[in-house]
Amino acid sequence: MEYKRVASILERMTSLLRAAREDRWVEVVADASSRVLSPWSTTQAAGLDIIRSFFGGMGSLQDLVFSEEAGNIPDGYSPDEANARFQTDLHELYRLIQR
């Protein structure tokens, strides 16, 4: 598992979520990031469990869309740019945790 790569993606996602004022998700994603960097395998595993919860089910992080209607477009991004960046990161994360 490429824990540092996973954490790097999570940190980039956290920055985007913070800029979008998605405070609930900022906390969850930042928590997962700190856990996967832990020296303890059980804590790393807990971080991976959090990440797995991002995918599937109603209300998961995968469902998040940046839009004018939601009022959550990150500063410095268009909705299309923010959604493209976010989806790219989610896909990369999913690929990494499947290994």
Protein backbone atom coordinates (compact mmCIF):
# COMPACT_ATOMS: atom_id res chain seq x y z
CA MET A 1 0.00 0.00 0.00
CA GLU A 2 1.30 3.43 -0.94
CA TYR A 3 0.30 5.16 2.30
CA LYS A 4 2.17 8.39 1.54
CA ARG A 5 0.49 8.64 -1.88
CA VAL A 6 -2.92 8.01 -0.31
CA ALA A 7 -2.25 10.70 2.31
CA SER A 8 -1.11 13.15 -0.38
CA ILE A 9 -4.38 12.71 -2.27
CA LEU A 10 -6.37 13.05 0.94
CA GLU A 11 -4.54 16.27 1.81
CA ARG A 12 -5.30 17.71 -1.64
CA MET A 13 -8.96 16.73 -1.19
CA THR A 14 -9.00 18.32 2.25
CA SER A 15 -7.75 21.60 0.79
CA LEU A 16 -10.45 21.55 -1.88
CA LEU A 17 -13.14 20.71 0.66
CA ARG A 18 -11.93 23.46 2.99
CA ALA A 19 -12.09 25.99 0.13
CA ALA A 20 -15.67 24.80 -0.51
CA ARG A 21 -16.57 25.18 3.17
CA GLU A 22 -17.54 21.50 3.41
CA ASP A 23 -16.53 21.38 7.08
CA ARG A 24 -18.00 17.96 7.86
CA TRP A 25 -16.01 16.35 5.08
CA VAL A 26 -12.86 18.31 5.93
CA GLU A 27 -12.84 16.64 9.36
CA VAL A 28 -13.50 13.15 8.02
CA VAL A 29 -10.94 13.30 5.20
CA ALA A 30 -8.27 14.90 7.41
CA ASP A 31 -8.84 12.18 10.02
CA ALA A 32 -8.38 9.45 7.41
CA SER A 33 -5.19 11.15 6.22
CA SER A 34 -3.64 11.28 9.68
CA ARG A 35 -4.56 7.65 10.32
CA VAL A 36 -3.01 6.24 7.14
CA LEU A 37 0.28 7.94 8.07
CA SER A 38 0.31 6.34 11.51
CA PRO A 39 3.18 3.98 12.32
CA TRP A 40 0.63 1.49 13.75
CA SER A 41 -0.95 -0.94 11.32
CA THR A 42 -4.26 -1.02 13.21
CA THR A 43 -4.54 2.76 12.93
CA GLN A 44 -3.64 2.59 9.23
CA ALA A 45 -6.34 -0.05 8.75
CA ALA A 46 -8.88 2.23 10.48
CA GLY A 47 -7.90 5.01 8.07
CA LEU A 48 -8.46 2.69 5.11
CA ASP A 49 -11.88 1.76 6.51
CA ILE A 50 -12.78 5.47 6.62
CA ILE A 51 -11.64 5.85 3.02
CA ARG A 52 -13.70 2.83 1.92
CA SER A 53 -16.76 4.53 3.42
CA PHE A 54 -16.27 7.37 0.90
CA PHE A 55 -17.55 5.07 -1.84
CA GLY A 56 -21.11 3.87 -2.18
CA GLY A 57 -24.25 4.47 -0.24
CA MET A 58 -26.35 7.59 -0.13
CA GLY A 59 -24.62 10.57 1.34
CA SER A 60 -21.13 9.21 0.78
CA LEU A 61 -18.29 11.48 -0.21
CA GLN A 62 -18.54 10.08 -3.72
CA ASP A 63 -21.96 11.79 -3.99
CA LEU A 64 -20.57 15.27 -3.36
CA VAL A 65 -20.98 17.70 -6.27
CA PHE A 66 -19.71 21.26 -6.31
CA SER A 67 -22.40 23.56 -7.71
CA GLU A 68 -23.95 27.00 -7.55
CA GLU A 69 -27.13 25.43 -6.17
CA ALA A 70 -25.27 23.81 -3.29
CA GLY A 71 -23.28 27.00 -2.67
CA ASN A 72 -20.09 25.00 -2.29
CA ILE A 73 -17.87 25.98 -5.19
CA PRO A 74 -14.30 26.20 -3.88
CA ASP A 75 -12.65 29.60 -4.14
CA GLY A 76 -10.57 29.84 -7.30
CA TYR A 77 -12.42 27.06 -9.15
CA SER A 78 -15.30 26.80 -11.56
CA PRO A 79 -17.80 24.05 -10.77
CA ASP A 80 -16.44 21.94 -13.64
CA GLU A 81 -12.82 22.38 -12.51
CA ALA A 82 -13.63 21.53 -8.89
CA ASN A 83 -15.68 18.47 -9.81
CA ALA A 84 -13.04 17.22 -12.26
CA ARG A 85 -10.25 17.60 -9.68
CA PHE A 86 -12.33 15.94 -6.98
CA GLN A 87 -13.46 13.01 -9.13
CA THR A 88 -9.90 12.44 -10.35
CA ASP A 89 -8.71 12.26 -6.74
CA LEU A 90 -11.54 9.92 -5.75
CA HIS A 91 -10.80 7.56 -8.64
CA GLU A 92 -7.10 7.52 -7.81
CA LEU A 93 -7.86 6.86 -4.16
CA TYR A 94 -10.19 4.00 -5.05
CA ARG A 95 -7.54 2.48 -7.30
CA LEU A 96 -4.90 2.69 -4.57
CA ILE A 97 -6.98 1.11 -1.82
CA GLN A 98 -8.01 -1.81 -4.03
CA ARG A 99 -4.45 -3.13 -4.20
